[in-house]
């Protein structure tokens, strides 16, 4: 004998820790823009949202993008809007930044610079990690 069982999940009030890892250069693929959109979605649902920039992802937040040659809109200023969505935990991996000759003064947003080991530990503390 089979019975129909209805399962309802109440997810109101559930907050997950999301970490978005930006690893790709800002132009040439859709990864950087797609991750930015995902960050905004997580924040709109009031999740605990962190963003880290590693590898060529550090170029996503540098000042002075000139996108005329690639035919794309410069979306780096959109990272400044994250604070309005309560996304204030922005991190840059020190090794990625330094190997590309950058400093925190080169970025359009204020970031916390973490060593590779410290960032790895922070990633381990997250409930959901999305990399792009």
N, C-alpha and C. Protein backbone atom coordinates (compact mmCIF):
# COMPACT_ATOMS: atom_id res chain seq x y z
N UNK A 1 0.84 -1.17 0.00
CA UNK A 1 0.00 0.00 0.00
C UNK A 1 0.89 1.24 0.00
N UNK A 2 0.65 2.16 -0.92
CA UNK A 2 1.48 3.35 -0.97
C UNK A 2 0.68 4.56 -0.51
N UNK A 3 1.36 5.43 0.16
CA UNK A 3 0.74 6.67 0.63
C UNK A 3 1.48 7.84 0.02
N UNK A 4 0.72 8.87 -0.28
CA UNK A 4 1.36 10.10 -0.75
C UNK A 4 1.85 10.86 0.46
N UNK A 5 3.12 11.13 0.48
CA UNK A 5 3.70 11.88 1.59
C UNK A 5 4.20 13.20 1.05
N UNK A 6 3.74 14.25 1.66
CA UNK A 6 4.17 15.60 1.26
C UNK A 6 5.21 16.08 2.24
N UNK A 7 6.35 16.47 1.72
CA UNK A 7 7.41 16.99 2.56
C UNK A 7 7.56 18.47 2.30
N UNK A 8 7.54 19.23 3.36
CA UNK A 8 7.69 20.67 3.25
C UNK A 8 8.92 21.08 4.03
N UNK A 9 9.74 21.92 3.41
CA UNK A 9 10.93 22.42 4.08
C UNK A 9 10.75 23.91 4.33
N UNK A 10 10.97 24.32 5.53
CA UNK A 10 10.89 25.73 5.89
C UNK A 10 12.32 26.25 5.98
N UNK A 11 12.72 27.04 4.99
CA UNK A 11 14.10 27.55 4.97
C UNK A 11 14.21 28.99 5.45
N UNK A 12 13.10 29.56 5.92
CA UNK A 12 13.18 30.93 6.43
C UNK A 12 14.11 30.97 7.63
N UNK A 13 14.94 31.96 7.65
CA UNK A 13 15.84 32.11 8.78
C UNK A 13 17.12 31.30 8.68
N UNK A 14 17.25 30.45 7.69
CA UNK A 14 18.46 29.65 7.54
C UNK A 14 19.49 30.49 6.79
N UNK A 15 20.63 30.67 7.42
CA UNK A 15 21.70 31.45 6.79
C UNK A 15 22.90 30.53 6.59
N UNK A 16 23.38 30.49 5.36
CA UNK A 16 24.57 29.71 5.04
C UNK A 16 25.74 30.66 4.80
N UNK A 17 26.93 30.14 5.01
CA UNK A 17 28.13 30.91 4.73
C UNK A 17 28.58 30.58 3.31
N UNK A 18 28.48 31.57 2.43
CA UNK A 18 28.88 31.42 1.04
C UNK A 18 30.23 32.11 0.82
N UNK A 19 31.13 31.43 0.14
CA UNK A 19 32.40 32.02 -0.28
C UNK A 19 32.45 31.91 -1.80
N UNK A 20 32.64 33.05 -2.44
CA UNK A 20 32.79 33.09 -3.89
C UNK A 20 34.26 33.33 -4.20
N UNK A 21 34.87 32.40 -4.91
CA UNK A 21 36.28 32.52 -5.29
C UNK A 21 36.36 33.00 -6.73
N UNK A 22 36.88 34.19 -6.90
CA UNK A 22 37.08 34.75 -8.24
C UNK A 22 38.51 34.45 -8.68
N UNK A 23 38.64 33.54 -9.62
CA UNK A 23 39.96 33.08 -10.08
C UNK A 23 40.31 33.54 -11.49
N UNK A 24 39.34 34.00 -12.24
CA UNK A 24 39.55 34.29 -13.66
C UNK A 24 39.71 35.78 -13.92
N UNK A 25 40.43 36.09 -14.99
CA UNK A 25 40.56 37.48 -15.43
C UNK A 25 39.16 38.01 -15.75
N UNK A 26 38.98 39.32 -15.66
CA UNK A 26 37.63 39.87 -15.80
C UNK A 26 37.01 39.78 -17.19
N UNK A 27 37.81 39.66 -18.21
CA UNK A 27 37.27 39.67 -19.57
C UNK A 27 37.80 38.49 -20.37
N UNK A 28 37.09 38.12 -21.39
CA UNK A 28 37.49 36.99 -22.23
C UNK A 28 36.65 35.75 -21.98
N UNK A 29 36.03 35.67 -20.81
CA UNK A 29 35.09 34.59 -20.49
C UNK A 29 33.92 35.20 -19.73
N UNK A 30 32.92 34.40 -19.47
CA UNK A 30 31.77 34.90 -18.71
C UNK A 30 31.89 34.64 -17.21
N UNK A 31 32.94 33.95 -16.79
CA UNK A 31 33.07 33.55 -15.40
C UNK A 31 32.99 34.71 -14.41
N UNK A 32 33.72 35.76 -14.64
CA UNK A 32 33.77 36.87 -13.68
C UNK A 32 32.41 37.53 -13.51
N UNK A 33 31.75 37.79 -14.60
CA UNK A 33 30.44 38.44 -14.53
C UNK A 33 29.40 37.49 -13.92
N UNK A 34 29.47 36.22 -14.24
CA UNK A 34 28.53 35.24 -13.68
C UNK A 34 28.72 35.12 -12.17
N UNK A 35 29.95 35.12 -11.70
CA UNK A 35 30.20 35.05 -10.26
C UNK A 35 29.64 36.30 -9.58
N UNK A 36 29.84 37.47 -10.18
CA UNK A 36 29.30 38.70 -9.61
C UNK A 36 27.78 38.61 -9.47
N UNK A 37 27.11 38.09 -10.48
CA UNK A 37 25.66 37.93 -10.42
C UNK A 37 25.27 36.95 -9.31
N UNK A 38 26.02 35.88 -9.15
CA UNK A 38 25.73 34.90 -8.09
C UNK A 38 25.93 35.51 -6.71
N UNK A 39 26.94 36.35 -6.57
CA UNK A 39 27.18 37.05 -5.30
C UNK A 39 25.97 37.89 -4.94
N UNK A 40 25.48 38.64 -5.91
CA UNK A 40 24.32 39.51 -5.67
C UNK A 40 23.07 38.69 -5.32
N UNK A 41 22.91 37.55 -5.93
CA UNK A 41 21.76 36.69 -5.61
C UNK A 41 21.87 36.18 -4.17
N UNK A 42 23.04 35.67 -3.79
CA UNK A 42 23.22 35.18 -2.42
C UNK A 42 22.97 36.29 -1.41
N UNK A 43 23.47 37.47 -1.71
CA UNK A 43 23.29 38.60 -0.80
C UNK A 43 21.82 39.02 -0.72
N UNK A 44 21.12 38.98 -1.85
CA UNK A 44 19.70 39.34 -1.85
C UNK A 44 18.88 38.41 -0.97
N UNK A 45 19.35 37.16 -0.83
CA UNK A 45 18.67 36.21 0.05
C UNK A 45 19.27 36.23 1.46
N UNK A 46 20.02 37.30 1.76
CA UNK A 46 20.56 37.57 3.09
C UNK A 46 21.42 36.44 3.63
N UNK A 47 22.24 35.88 2.76
CA UNK A 47 23.20 34.86 3.18
C UNK A 47 24.50 35.53 3.61
N UNK A 48 25.26 34.85 4.43
CA UNK A 48 26.56 35.35 4.91
C UNK A 48 27.54 35.17 3.74
N UNK A 49 27.79 36.26 3.02
CA UNK A 49 28.50 36.18 1.75
C UNK A 49 29.90 36.80 1.84
N UNK A 50 30.89 36.02 1.43
CA UNK A 50 32.27 36.48 1.36
C UNK A 50 32.75 36.33 -0.08
N UNK A 51 33.71 37.17 -0.46
CA UNK A 51 34.25 37.13 -1.81
C UNK A 51 35.77 37.16 -1.71
N UNK A 52 36.42 36.24 -2.43
CA UNK A 52 37.87 36.21 -2.46
C UNK A 52 38.36 36.30 -3.90
N UNK A 53 39.44 37.03 -4.07
CA UNK A 53 40.06 37.20 -5.39
C UNK A 53 41.43 36.55 -5.35
N UNK A 54 41.61 35.54 -6.19
CA UNK A 54 42.86 34.80 -6.25
C UNK A 54 43.27 34.63 -7.71
N UNK A 55 44.51 34.26 -7.91
CA UNK A 55 45.05 34.07 -9.26
C UNK A 55 44.74 35.32 -10.10
N UNK A 56 44.33 35.15 -11.36
CA UNK A 56 44.03 36.31 -12.21
C UNK A 56 42.73 37.01 -11.81
N UNK A 57 42.00 36.45 -10.87
CA UNK A 57 40.79 37.10 -10.36
C UNK A 57 41.07 38.43 -9.71
N UNK A 58 42.32 38.66 -9.27
CA UNK A 58 42.65 39.95 -8.67
C UNK A 58 42.48 41.09 -9.67
N UNK A 59 42.58 40.79 -10.96
CA UNK A 59 42.41 41.82 -11.98
C UNK A 59 40.97 42.31 -12.09
N UNK A 60 40.02 41.57 -11.55
CA UNK A 60 38.62 41.98 -11.60
C UNK A 60 38.38 43.29 -10.85
N UNK A 61 39.19 43.55 -9.83
CA UNK A 61 38.92 44.72 -8.98
C UNK A 61 39.98 45.82 -9.09
N UNK A 62 40.83 45.76 -10.11
CA UNK A 62 41.80 46.84 -10.24
C UNK A 62 41.13 48.08 -10.83
N UNK A 63 41.68 49.22 -10.47
CA UNK A 63 41.18 50.50 -10.97
C UNK A 63 41.57 50.68 -12.43
N UNK A 64 40.76 51.44 -13.16
CA UNK A 64 41.14 51.89 -14.48
C UNK A 64 41.02 50.89 -15.60
N UNK A 65 40.06 49.98 -15.53
CA UNK A 65 39.87 49.04 -16.65
C UNK A 65 39.57 49.82 -17.93
N UNK A 66 40.25 49.47 -19.01
CA UNK A 66 39.94 50.02 -20.32
C UNK A 66 39.43 48.87 -21.16
N UNK A 67 38.12 48.83 -21.36
CA UNK A 67 37.49 47.69 -22.03
C UNK A 67 37.15 47.94 -23.49
N UNK A 68 37.55 49.06 -24.03
CA UNK A 68 37.22 49.36 -25.43
C UNK A 68 37.73 48.29 -26.37
N UNK A 69 38.91 47.78 -26.14
CA UNK A 69 39.52 46.80 -27.02
C UNK A 69 38.83 45.43 -27.00
N UNK A 70 38.12 45.12 -25.92
CA UNK A 70 37.47 43.81 -25.83
C UNK A 70 35.97 43.88 -26.08
N UNK A 71 35.45 45.09 -26.26
CA UNK A 71 34.04 45.26 -26.58
C UNK A 71 33.09 44.86 -25.47
N UNK A 72 33.55 44.98 -24.24
CA UNK A 72 32.70 44.66 -23.09
C UNK A 72 32.62 45.86 -22.16
N UNK A 73 31.56 45.92 -21.40
CA UNK A 73 31.40 46.99 -20.42
C UNK A 73 32.28 46.70 -19.20
N UNK A 74 32.89 47.74 -18.67
CA UNK A 74 33.68 47.63 -17.46
C UNK A 74 32.73 47.43 -16.28
N UNK A 75 32.76 46.25 -15.68
CA UNK A 75 31.86 46.00 -14.56
C UNK A 75 32.56 46.09 -13.20
N UNK A 76 33.84 46.44 -13.17
CA UNK A 76 34.54 46.51 -11.88
C UNK A 76 33.91 47.49 -10.90
N UNK A 77 33.32 48.62 -11.34
CA UNK A 77 32.66 49.50 -10.36
C UNK A 77 31.49 48.82 -9.63
N UNK A 78 30.93 47.77 -10.21
CA UNK A 78 29.82 47.07 -9.55
C UNK A 78 30.26 46.46 -8.23
N UNK A 79 31.54 46.17 -8.08
CA UNK A 79 32.01 45.62 -6.81
C UNK A 79 31.85 46.63 -5.68
N UNK A 80 31.87 47.92 -6.00
CA UNK A 80 31.64 48.94 -4.97
C UNK A 80 30.22 48.88 -4.42
N UNK A 81 29.29 48.39 -5.22
CA UNK A 81 27.89 48.30 -4.79
C UNK A 81 27.65 47.15 -3.82
N UNK A 82 28.59 46.25 -3.67
CA UNK A 82 28.38 45.10 -2.80
C UNK A 82 28.10 45.50 -1.35
N UNK A 83 28.70 46.59 -0.90
CA UNK A 83 28.47 47.04 0.48
C UNK A 83 26.99 47.33 0.71
N UNK A 84 26.30 47.81 -0.31
CA UNK A 84 24.87 48.08 -0.21
C UNK A 84 24.05 46.81 -0.05
N UNK A 85 24.64 45.68 -0.36
CA UNK A 85 23.99 44.38 -0.19
C UNK A 85 24.54 43.66 1.05
N UNK A 86 25.24 44.39 1.90
CA UNK A 86 25.87 43.85 3.11
C UNK A 86 26.94 42.80 2.81
N UNK A 87 27.56 42.91 1.64
CA UNK A 87 28.71 42.06 1.32
C UNK A 87 29.94 42.90 1.57
N UNK A 88 30.51 42.71 2.75
CA UNK A 88 31.64 43.54 3.15
C UNK A 88 32.90 42.73 3.41
N UNK A 89 32.80 41.41 3.29
CA UNK A 89 33.96 40.54 3.51
C UNK A 89 34.59 40.23 2.17
N UNK A 90 35.53 41.09 1.78
CA UNK A 90 36.24 40.95 0.50
C UNK A 90 37.70 40.66 0.81
N UNK A 91 38.23 39.61 0.19
CA UNK A 91 39.59 39.16 0.47
C UNK A 91 40.39 39.04 -0.82
N UNK A 92 41.68 39.30 -0.69
CA UNK A 92 42.62 39.08 -1.79
C UNK A 92 43.74 38.21 -1.25
N UNK A 93 44.08 37.20 -2.03
CA UNK A 93 45.21 36.35 -1.65
C UNK A 93 46.51 37.11 -1.89
N UNK A 94 47.30 37.24 -0.85
CA UNK A 94 48.54 38.02 -0.90
C UNK A 94 49.47 37.54 -2.03
N UNK A 95 49.65 36.26 -2.15
CA UNK A 95 50.57 35.73 -3.15
C UNK A 95 50.11 36.07 -4.57
N UNK A 96 48.81 35.97 -4.82
CA UNK A 96 48.28 36.32 -6.15
C UNK A 96 48.49 37.80 -6.44
N UNK A 97 48.21 38.63 -5.46
CA UNK A 97 48.33 40.08 -5.62
C UNK A 97 49.80 40.47 -5.89
N UNK A 98 50.68 39.98 -5.03
CA UNK A 98 52.08 40.37 -5.14
C UNK A 98 52.75 39.83 -6.40
N UNK A 99 52.39 38.62 -6.82
CA UNK A 99 53.02 38.05 -8.02
C UNK A 99 52.60 38.81 -9.28
N UNK A 100 51.53 39.58 -9.19
CA UNK A 100 51.07 40.39 -10.32
C UNK A 100 51.43 41.86 -10.16
N UNK A 101 52.28 42.15 -9.17
CA UNK A 101 52.77 43.50 -8.97
C UNK A 101 51.72 44.48 -8.47
N UNK A 102 50.72 43.99 -7.75
CA UNK A 102 49.63 44.84 -7.27
C UNK A 102 49.73 45.08 -5.77
N UNK A 103 49.05 46.13 -5.32
CA UNK A 103 48.91 46.44 -3.90
C UNK A 103 47.44 46.74 -3.63
N UNK A 104 47.02 46.77 -2.37
CA UNK A 104 45.62 47.10 -2.08
C UNK A 104 45.19 48.46 -2.63
N UNK A 105 46.12 49.37 -2.82
CA UNK A 105 45.79 50.70 -3.36
C UNK A 105 45.36 50.62 -4.83
N UNK A 106 45.65 49.51 -5.49
CA UNK A 106 45.28 49.34 -6.90
C UNK A 106 43.83 48.92 -7.10
N UNK A 107 43.11 48.62 -6.02
CA UNK A 107 41.78 48.05 -6.13
C UNK A 107 40.67 49.09 -5.96
N UNK A 108 39.52 48.82 -6.60
CA UNK A 108 38.37 49.74 -6.53
C UNK A 108 37.58 49.58 -5.24
N UNK A 109 37.86 48.52 -4.48
CA UNK A 109 37.19 48.29 -3.21
C UNK A 109 38.23 48.00 -2.13
N UNK A 110 37.82 48.20 -0.89
CA UNK A 110 38.70 47.88 0.23
C UNK A 110 38.65 46.37 0.44
N UNK A 111 39.82 45.77 0.54
CA UNK A 111 39.92 44.32 0.72
C UNK A 111 40.81 44.00 1.91
N UNK A 112 40.62 42.81 2.44
CA UNK A 112 41.54 42.30 3.44
C UNK A 112 42.49 41.35 2.72
N UNK A 113 43.76 41.58 2.88
CA UNK A 113 44.76 40.74 2.23
C UNK A 113 45.11 39.59 3.17
N UNK A 114 44.98 38.37 2.67
CA UNK A 114 45.27 37.17 3.45
C UNK A 114 46.32 36.33 2.75
N UNK A 115 47.14 35.67 3.54
CA UNK A 115 48.08 34.72 2.96
C UNK A 115 47.31 33.54 2.38
N UNK A 116 47.96 32.78 1.54
CA UNK A 116 47.34 31.60 0.95
C UNK A 116 46.84 30.65 2.04
N UNK A 117 47.64 30.45 3.08
CA UNK A 117 47.24 29.54 4.16
C UNK A 117 46.04 30.08 4.94
N UNK A 118 46.03 31.38 5.24
CA UNK A 118 44.91 31.98 5.97
C UNK A 118 43.63 31.92 5.15
N UNK A 119 43.75 32.17 3.85
CA UNK A 119 42.56 32.11 2.98
C UNK A 119 42.05 30.68 2.89
N UNK A 120 42.95 29.72 2.81
CA UNK A 120 42.56 28.31 2.77
C UNK A 120 41.79 27.93 4.03
N UNK A 121 42.25 28.41 5.17
CA UNK A 121 41.56 28.14 6.43
C UNK A 121 40.17 28.76 6.42
N UNK A 122 40.06 29.98 5.93
CA UNK A 122 38.77 30.66 5.84
C UNK A 122 37.82 29.90 4.91
N UNK A 123 38.32 29.42 3.81
CA UNK A 123 37.51 28.64 2.87
C UNK A 123 36.97 27.39 3.56
N UNK A 124 37.80 26.74 4.37
CA UNK A 124 37.37 25.53 5.07
C UNK A 124 36.23 25.80 6.04
N UNK A 125 36.05 27.03 6.48
CA UNK A 125 35.00 27.39 7.43
C UNK A 125 33.67 27.69 6.77
N UNK A 126 33.64 27.70 5.44
CA UNK A 126 32.42 28.09 4.70
C UNK A 126 31.49 26.90 4.53
N UNK A 127 30.19 27.19 4.40
CA UNK A 127 29.21 26.15 4.13
C UNK A 127 29.12 25.83 2.66
N UNK A 128 29.30 26.85 1.81
CA UNK A 128 29.21 26.70 0.36
C UNK A 128 30.36 27.49 -0.27
N UNK A 129 31.09 26.86 -1.17
CA UNK A 129 32.17 27.54 -1.89
C UNK A 129 31.90 27.41 -3.38
N UNK A 130 31.85 28.57 -4.04
CA UNK A 130 31.61 28.61 -5.48
C UNK A 130 32.82 29.26 -6.13
N UNK A 131 33.42 28.56 -7.06
CA UNK A 131 34.64 29.04 -7.70
C UNK A 131 34.40 29.27 -9.18
N UNK A 132 34.94 30.36 -9.67
CA UNK A 132 34.79 30.64 -11.08
C UNK A 132 35.92 31.47 -11.60
